[in-house]
Amino acid sequence: MKALALNGSPRKNGNTAALLEKVLSPLIDSGWETELVQIGGKKIQGCRGCLKCAEMKNKRCVFDNDILNGVLEKMLAADAIILGTPCYFADMSAEMKALVDRAGYVAFVNDGLFQGKIGAAVVAVGRGGATHAFDSINHLFLMSRMLVPGSSFWNMGYGSNEKDVLGDSLAMENMRHLGRTIAWLGEATAPHMASFPA
């Protein structure tokens, strides 16, 4: 099985990346194929609302001049998608919002391409607003008929400077538990995915 983690922070080796790596670790131990992809700081424009993806139904965004379609292909190939973001003004980063809007809508209008996949949100935060960012990402998963695993707390970690989050022992334990839960859920649901309700 394959887990894809997408880092929506422009800090490639910052707190968001540290949280995502902690989630992936138990999955690697369980034999999953994993990939961590950097989207923060990369070129990805917001949705233009042109509805061409609904018209063409080719599992792609019509605008092919940024990273969206390449990342979307990876999302479609994954069994679990973990979206990580720093908390900016109580919400996700601009790059993550563009990904959610465009990839989510392409999947939605192509007969629910994300349905049955596992989706988890992870948020790195300096002080406040993480719950709202966490909820915002989960809206994509829930309206896409994805499976959203719980953990020992909301999936957030605290730290302002690079790698500060590693000192948040509760967050580190929560991320480890989240990875284990994703592995368990993947094994439990894999034999049934062909019959997932449309």
C-alpha atoms as a PDB file:
ATOM      1  CA  MET A   1       0.000   0.000   0.000  1.00  0.00           C
ATOM      2  CA  LYS A   2       1.125   3.578  -0.573  1.00  0.00           C
ATOM      3  CA  ALA A   3       0.952   6.687   1.607  1.00  0.00           C
ATOM      4  CA  LEU A   4       1.520  10.140   0.160  1.00  0.00           C
ATOM      5  CA  ALA A   5       2.349  13.059   2.472  1.00  0.00           C
ATOM      6  CA  LEU A   6       2.160  16.573   1.046  1.00  0.00           C
ATOM      7  CA  ASN A   7       4.032  19.367   2.813  1.00  0.00           C
ATOM      8  CA  GLY A   8       2.217  22.669   2.389  1.00  0.00           C
ATOM      9  CA  SER A   9       4.874  24.653   4.238  1.00  0.00           C
ATOM     10  CA  PRO A  10       7.430  26.710   2.309  1.00  0.00           C
ATOM     11  CA  ARG A  11       9.929  25.530   4.945  1.00  0.00           C
ATOM     12  CA  LYS A  12      11.047  22.232   3.444  1.00  0.00           C
ATOM     13  CA  ASN A  13      12.634  21.026   6.686  1.00  0.00           C
ATOM     14  CA  GLY A  14      10.420  22.843   9.156  1.00  0.00           C
ATOM     15  CA  ASN A  15       7.849  21.786  11.719  1.00  0.00           C
ATOM     16  CA  THR A  16       5.254  20.580   9.205  1.00  0.00           C
ATOM     17  CA  ALA A  17       7.801  18.275   7.589  1.00  0.00           C
ATOM     18  CA  ALA A  18       8.835  16.930  11.002  1.00  0.00           C
ATOM     19  CA  LEU A  19       5.222  16.068  11.827  1.00  0.00           C
ATOM     20  CA  LEU A  20       4.670  14.374   8.470  1.00  0.00           C
ATOM     21  CA  GLU A  21       7.866  12.343   8.806  1.00  0.00           C
ATOM     22  CA  LYS A  22       6.703  11.131  12.217  1.00  0.00           C
ATOM     23  CA  VAL A  23       3.378   9.984  10.718  1.00  0.00           C
ATOM     24  CA  LEU A  24       5.139   8.145   7.890  1.00  0.00           C
ATOM     25  CA  SER A  25       7.579   6.300  10.161  1.00  0.00           C
ATOM     26  CA  PRO A  26       5.124   3.611  11.428  1.00  0.00           C
ATOM     27  CA  LEU A  27       3.838   3.181   7.878  1.00  0.00           C
ATOM     28  CA  ILE A  28       7.367   2.469   6.657  1.00  0.00           C
ATOM     29  CA  ASP A  29       7.767  -0.012   9.515  1.00  0.00           C
ATOM     30  CA  SER A  30       4.526  -1.690   8.375  1.00  0.00           C
ATOM     31  CA  GLY A  31       5.853  -2.159   4.848  1.00  0.00           C
ATOM     32  CA  TRP A  32       4.015   0.681   3.150  1.00  0.00           C
ATOM     33  CA  GLU A  33       5.547   2.580   0.275  1.00  0.00           C
ATOM     34  CA  THR A  34       5.737   6.222   1.336  1.00  0.00           C
ATOM     35  CA  GLU A  35       6.515   9.527  -0.344  1.00  0.00           C
ATOM     36  CA  LEU A  36       6.839  13.040   1.078  1.00  0.00           C
ATOM     37  CA  VAL A  37       6.251  15.733  -1.560  1.00  0.00           C
ATOM     38  CA  GLN A  38       6.995  19.419  -1.117  1.00  0.00           C
ATOM     39  CA  ILE A  39       4.255  21.735  -2.377  1.00  0.00           C
ATOM     40  CA  GLY A  40       4.820  24.755  -0.137  1.00  0.00           C
ATOM     41  CA  GLY A  41       6.833  27.389  -1.951  1.00  0.00           C
ATOM     42  CA  LYS A  42       6.120  25.778  -5.330  1.00  0.00           C
ATOM     43  CA  LYS A  43       4.080  27.271  -8.156  1.00  0.00           C
ATOM     44  CA  ILE A  44       0.436  26.307  -7.735  1.00  0.00           C
ATOM     45  CA  GLN A  45      -2.354  28.727  -8.598  1.00  0.00           C
ATOM     46  CA  GLY A  46      -5.823  28.829  -7.114  1.00  0.00           C
ATOM     47  CA  CYS A  47      -8.915  27.423  -8.816  1.00  0.00           C
ATOM     48  CA  ARG A  48     -10.322  29.706 -11.531  1.00  0.00           C
ATOM     49  CA  GLY A  49     -13.798  28.182 -11.445  1.00  0.00           C
ATOM     50  CA  CYS A  50     -13.788  27.584 -15.208  1.00  0.00           C
ATOM     51  CA  LEU A  51     -15.478  24.149 -14.816  1.00  0.00           C
ATOM     52  CA  LYS A  52     -13.387  22.682 -17.666  1.00  0.00           C
ATOM     53  CA  CYS A  53     -12.512  19.681 -15.486  1.00  0.00           C
ATOM     54  CA  ALA A  54     -16.242  18.914 -15.172  1.00  0.00           C
ATOM     55  CA  GLU A  55     -16.674  19.286 -18.912  1.00  0.00           C
ATOM     56  CA  MET A  56     -13.665  17.215 -19.982  1.00  0.00           C
ATOM     57  CA  LYS A  57     -13.726  14.585 -17.187  1.00  0.00           C
ATOM     58  CA  ASN A  58     -10.152  13.520 -17.928  1.00  0.00           C
ATOM     59  CA  LYS A  59      -8.975  13.489 -14.284  1.00  0.00           C
ATOM     60  CA  ARG A  60      -6.895  16.629 -14.799  1.00  0.00           C
ATOM     61  CA  CYS A  61      -7.078  20.377 -14.361  1.00  0.00           C
ATOM     62  CA  VAL A  62      -7.088  22.192 -17.700  1.00  0.00           C
ATOM     63  CA  PHE A  63      -4.341  24.523 -16.430  1.00  0.00           C
ATOM     64  CA  ASP A  64      -1.132  22.532 -16.772  1.00  0.00           C
ATOM     65  CA  ASN A  65       1.453  25.231 -16.067  1.00  0.00           C
ATOM     66  CA  ASP A  66       2.133  24.410 -12.410  1.00  0.00           C
ATOM     67  CA  ILE A  67       2.578  21.382 -10.131  1.00  0.00           C
ATOM     68  CA  LEU A  68      -1.111  20.512  -9.634  1.00  0.00           C
ATOM     69  CA  ASN A  69      -1.599  17.743 -12.204  1.00  0.00           C
ATOM     70  CA  GLY A  70       1.624  15.970 -11.257  1.00  0.00           C
ATOM     71  CA  VAL A  71       0.674  16.022  -7.580  1.00  0.00           C
ATOM     72  CA  LEU A  72      -2.884  14.943  -8.409  1.00  0.00           C
ATOM     73  CA  GLU A  73      -1.528  11.864 -10.220  1.00  0.00           C
ATOM     74  CA  LYS A  74       0.371  10.929  -7.057  1.00  0.00           C
ATOM     75  CA  MET A  75      -2.781  11.449  -4.965  1.00  0.00           C
ATOM     76  CA  LEU A  76      -4.782   9.161  -7.239  1.00  0.00           C
ATOM     77  CA  ALA A  77      -2.114   6.453  -6.976  1.00  0.00           C
ATOM     78  CA  ALA A  78      -2.025   6.592  -3.164  1.00  0.00           C
ATOM     79  CA  ASP A  79      -4.101   4.602  -0.678  1.00  0.00           C
ATOM     80  CA  ALA A  80      -3.590   7.224   2.044  1.00  0.00           C
ATOM     81  CA  ILE A  81      -3.138  10.981   1.610  1.00  0.00           C
ATOM     82  CA  ILE A  82      -1.717  13.040   4.482  1.00  0.00           C
ATOM     83  CA  LEU A  83      -1.958  16.798   4.004  1.00  0.00           C
ATOM     84  CA  GLY A  84       0.316  18.878   6.218  1.00  0.00           C
ATOM     85  CA  THR A  85       0.207  22.650   6.593  1.00  0.00           C
ATOM     86  CA  PRO A  86       1.533  25.377   8.809  1.00  0.00           C
ATOM     87  CA  CYS A  87      -1.162  27.508  10.393  1.00  0.00           C
ATOM     88  CA  TYR A  88      -1.412  30.890   8.652  1.00  0.00           C
ATOM     89  CA  PHE A  89      -4.055  33.242  10.075  1.00  0.00           C
ATOM     90  CA  ALA A  90      -5.935  30.260  11.546  1.00  0.00           C
ATOM     91  CA  ASP A  91      -6.000  28.360   8.256  1.00  0.00           C
ATOM     92  CA  MET A  92      -3.908  26.372   5.780  1.00  0.00           C
ATOM     93  CA  SER A  93      -1.169  27.799   3.579  1.00  0.00           C
ATOM     94  CA  ALA A  94      -2.085  29.313   0.215  1.00  0.00           C
ATOM     95  CA  GLU A  95      -0.423  26.448  -1.651  1.00  0.00           C
ATOM     96  CA  MET A  96      -2.391  23.859   0.321  1.00  0.00           C
ATOM     97  CA  LYS A  97      -5.644  25.746  -0.254  1.00  0.00           C
ATOM     98  CA  ALA A  98      -4.985  25.820  -4.005  1.00  0.00           C
ATOM     99  CA  LEU A  99      -4.301  22.066  -3.957  1.00  0.00           C
ATOM    100  CA  VAL A 100      -7.439  21.313  -1.943  1.00  0.00           C
ATOM    101  CA  ASP A 101      -9.667  23.411  -4.191  1.00  0.00           C
ATOM    102  CA  ARG A 102      -8.338  22.200  -7.526  1.00  0.00           C
ATOM    103  CA  ALA A 103      -7.495  18.551  -6.798  1.00  0.00           C
ATOM    104  CA  GLY A 104     -10.652  18.167  -4.756  1.00  0.00           C
ATOM    105  CA  TYR A 105     -12.880  19.506  -7.499  1.00  0.00           C
ATOM    106  CA  VAL A 106     -11.218  17.458 -10.261  1.00  0.00           C
ATOM    107  CA  ALA A 107     -11.738  14.334  -8.140  1.00  0.00           C
ATOM    108  CA  PHE A 108     -15.330  15.312  -7.313  1.00  0.00           C
ATOM    109  CA  VAL A 109     -16.454  15.874 -10.906  1.00  0.00           C
ATOM    110  CA  ASN A 110     -14.756  12.686 -12.128  1.00  0.00           C
ATOM    111  CA  ASP A 111     -17.098  10.423 -10.142  1.00  0.00           C
ATOM    112  CA  GLY A 112     -15.367  10.753  -6.774  1.00  0.00           C
ATOM    113  CA  LEU A 113     -11.784   9.721  -7.482  1.00  0.00           C
ATOM    114  CA  PHE A 114     -10.766  10.040  -3.818  1.00  0.00           C
ATOM    115  CA  GLN A 115     -13.585   7.947  -2.375  1.00  0.00           C
ATOM    116  CA  GLY A 116     -12.415   5.102  -0.151  1.00  0.00           C
ATOM    117  CA  LYS A 117      -8.917   6.524   0.264  1.00  0.00           C
ATOM    118  CA  ILE A 118      -7.625   7.368   3.728  1.00  0.00           C
ATOM    119  CA  GLY A 119      -7.198  11.089   4.430  1.00  0.00           C
ATOM    120  CA  ALA A 120      -5.437  12.719   7.367  1.00  0.00           C
ATOM    121  CA  ALA A 121      -4.688  16.373   8.124  1.00  0.00           C
ATOM    122  CA  VAL A 122      -1.626  17.524  10.103  1.00  0.00           C
ATOM    123  CA  VAL A 123      -1.054  21.106  11.280  1.00  0.00           C
ATOM    124  CA  ALA A 124       2.047  22.835  12.649  1.00  0.00           C
ATOM    125  CA  VAL A 125       1.181  25.909  14.692  1.00  0.00           C
ATOM    126  CA  GLY A 126       3.022  28.590  16.611  1.00  0.00           C
ATOM    127  CA  ARG A 127       0.211  29.584  18.945  1.00  0.00           C
ATOM    128  CA  GLY A 128      -3.468  29.387  17.858  1.00  0.00           C
ATOM    129  CA  GLY A 129      -5.797  28.570  14.984  1.00  0.00           C
ATOM    130  CA  ALA A 130      -4.722  24.990  14.345  1.00  0.00           C
ATOM    131  CA  THR A 131      -8.168  23.493  14.908  1.00  0.00           C
ATOM    132  CA  HIS A 132      -9.663  25.638  12.155  1.00  0.00           C
ATOM    133  CA  ALA A 133      -6.897  24.688   9.694  1.00  0.00           C
ATOM    134  CA  PHE A 134      -7.331  21.025  10.660  1.00  0.00           C
ATOM    135  CA  ASP A 135     -11.101  21.231  10.079  1.00  0.00           C
ATOM    136  CA  SER A 136     -10.659  22.999   6.734  1.00  0.00           C
ATOM    137  CA  ILE A 137      -8.546  20.170   5.329  1.00  0.00           C
ATOM    138  CA  ASN A 138     -10.918  17.560   6.730  1.00  0.00           C
ATOM    139  CA  HIS A 139     -13.774  19.126   4.751  1.00  0.00           C
ATOM    140  CA  LEU A 140     -12.060  17.865   1.571  1.00  0.00           C
ATOM    141  CA  PHE A 141     -11.795  14.339   2.943  1.00  0.00           C
ATOM    142  CA  LEU A 142     -15.337  14.152   4.246  1.00  0.00           C
ATOM    143  CA  MET A 143     -17.062  15.503   1.127  1.00  0.00           C
ATOM    144  CA  SER A 144     -14.882  13.187  -0.986  1.00  0.00           C
ATOM    145  CA  ARG A 145     -16.156  10.084   0.846  1.00  0.00           C
ATOM    146  CA  MET A 146     -12.706   9.353   2.222  1.00  0.00           C
ATOM    147  CA  LEU A 147     -11.929   7.520   5.463  1.00  0.00           C
ATOM    148  CA  VAL A 148     -10.623   9.860   8.179  1.00  0.00           C
ATOM    149  CA  PRO A 149      -8.784   8.109  11.022  1.00  0.00           C
ATOM    150  CA  GLY A 150      -8.701   9.496  14.516  1.00  0.00           C
ATOM    151  CA  SER A 151      -5.732   9.529  16.844  1.00  0.00           C
ATOM    152  CA  SER A 152      -5.009  10.350  20.476  1.00  0.00           C
ATOM    153  CA  PHE A 153      -5.664  14.093  19.931  1.00  0.00           C
ATOM    154  CA  TRP A 154      -6.191  16.534  17.081  1.00  0.00           C
ATOM    155  CA  ASN A 155      -3.288  16.209  14.650  1.00  0.00           C
ATOM    156  CA  MET A 156      -1.347  19.345  15.522  1.00  0.00           C
ATOM    157  CA  GLY A 157       2.052  20.197  16.914  1.00  0.00           C
ATOM    158  CA  TYR A 158       3.383  23.404  18.477  1.00  0.00           C
ATOM    159  CA  GLY A 159       6.592  25.218  17.610  1.00  0.00           C
ATOM    160  CA  SER A 160       7.702  28.484  16.030  1.00  0.00           C
ATOM    161  CA  ASN A 161      11.306  27.865  15.017  1.00  0.00           C
ATOM    162  CA  GLU A 162      12.483  25.084  12.714  1.00  0.00           C
ATOM    163  CA  LYS A 163      12.149  21.660  14.385  1.00  0.00           C
ATOM    164  CA  ASP A 164      10.684  23.122  17.621  1.00  0.00           C
ATOM    165  CA  VAL A 165       7.803  20.713  17.198  1.00  0.00           C
ATOM    166  CA  LEU A 166      10.139  17.812  17.973  1.00  0.00           C
ATOM    167  CA  GLY A 167      10.022  19.043  21.576  1.00  0.00           C
ATOM    168  CA  ASP A 168       6.227  18.704  21.665  1.00  0.00           C
ATOM    169  CA  SER A 169       6.098  15.182  23.078  1.00  0.00           C
ATOM    170  CA  LEU A 170       2.297  14.950  22.908  1.00  0.00           C
ATOM    171  CA  ALA A 171       2.341  15.882  19.215  1.00  0.00           C
ATOM    172  CA  MET A 172       5.093  13.374  18.450  1.00  0.00           C
ATOM    173  CA  GLU A 173       3.181  10.582  20.167  1.00  0.00           C
ATOM    174  CA  ASN A 174      -0.019  11.608  18.394  1.00  0.00           C
ATOM    175  CA  MET A 175       1.723  11.534  14.977  1.00  0.00           C
ATOM    176  CA  ARG A 176       3.180   8.096  15.694  1.00  0.00           C
ATOM    177  CA  HIS A 177      -0.257   6.855  16.713  1.00  0.00           C
ATOM    178  CA  LEU A 178      -1.820   8.418  13.610  1.00  0.00           C
ATOM    179  CA  GLY A 179       0.638   6.561  11.389  1.00  0.00           C
ATOM    180  CA  ARG A 180      -0.156   3.286  13.136  1.00  0.00           C
ATOM    181  CA  THR A 181      -3.897   3.936  12.790  1.00  0.00           C
ATOM    182  CA  ILE A 182      -3.534   4.657   9.062  1.00  0.00           C
ATOM    183  CA  ALA A 183      -1.605   1.384   8.645  1.00  0.00           C
ATOM    184  CA  TRP A 184      -4.271  -0.546  10.554  1.00  0.00           C
ATOM    185  CA  LEU A 185      -7.127   1.082   8.646  1.00  0.00           C
ATOM    186  CA  GLY A 186      -5.447   0.389   5.312  1.00  0.00           C
ATOM    187  CA  GLU A 187      -5.024  -3.286   6.110  1.00  0.00           C
ATOM    188  CA  ALA A 188      -8.602  -3.535   7.415  1.00  0.00           C
ATOM    189  CA  THR A 189     -10.231  -1.908   4.398  1.00  0.00           C
ATOM    190  CA  ALA A 190      -8.009  -3.021   1.500  1.00  0.00           C
ATOM    191  CA  PRO A 191      -9.952  -6.255   0.745  1.00  0.00           C
ATOM    192  CA  HIS A 192     -13.210  -4.308   0.545  1.00  0.00           C
ATOM    193  CA  MET A 193     -12.231  -1.291  -1.544  1.00  0.00           C
ATOM    194  CA  ALA A 194     -13.580  -2.713  -4.802  1.00  0.00           C
ATOM    195  CA  SER A 195     -17.054  -2.707  -3.243  1.00  0.00           C
ATOM    196  CA  PHE A 196     -16.851   0.776  -1.685  1.00  0.00           C
ATOM    197  CA  PRO A 197     -20.334   2.340  -2.010  1.00  0.00           C
ATOM    198  CA  ALA A 198     -20.669   4.832  -4.861  1.00  0.00           C
END
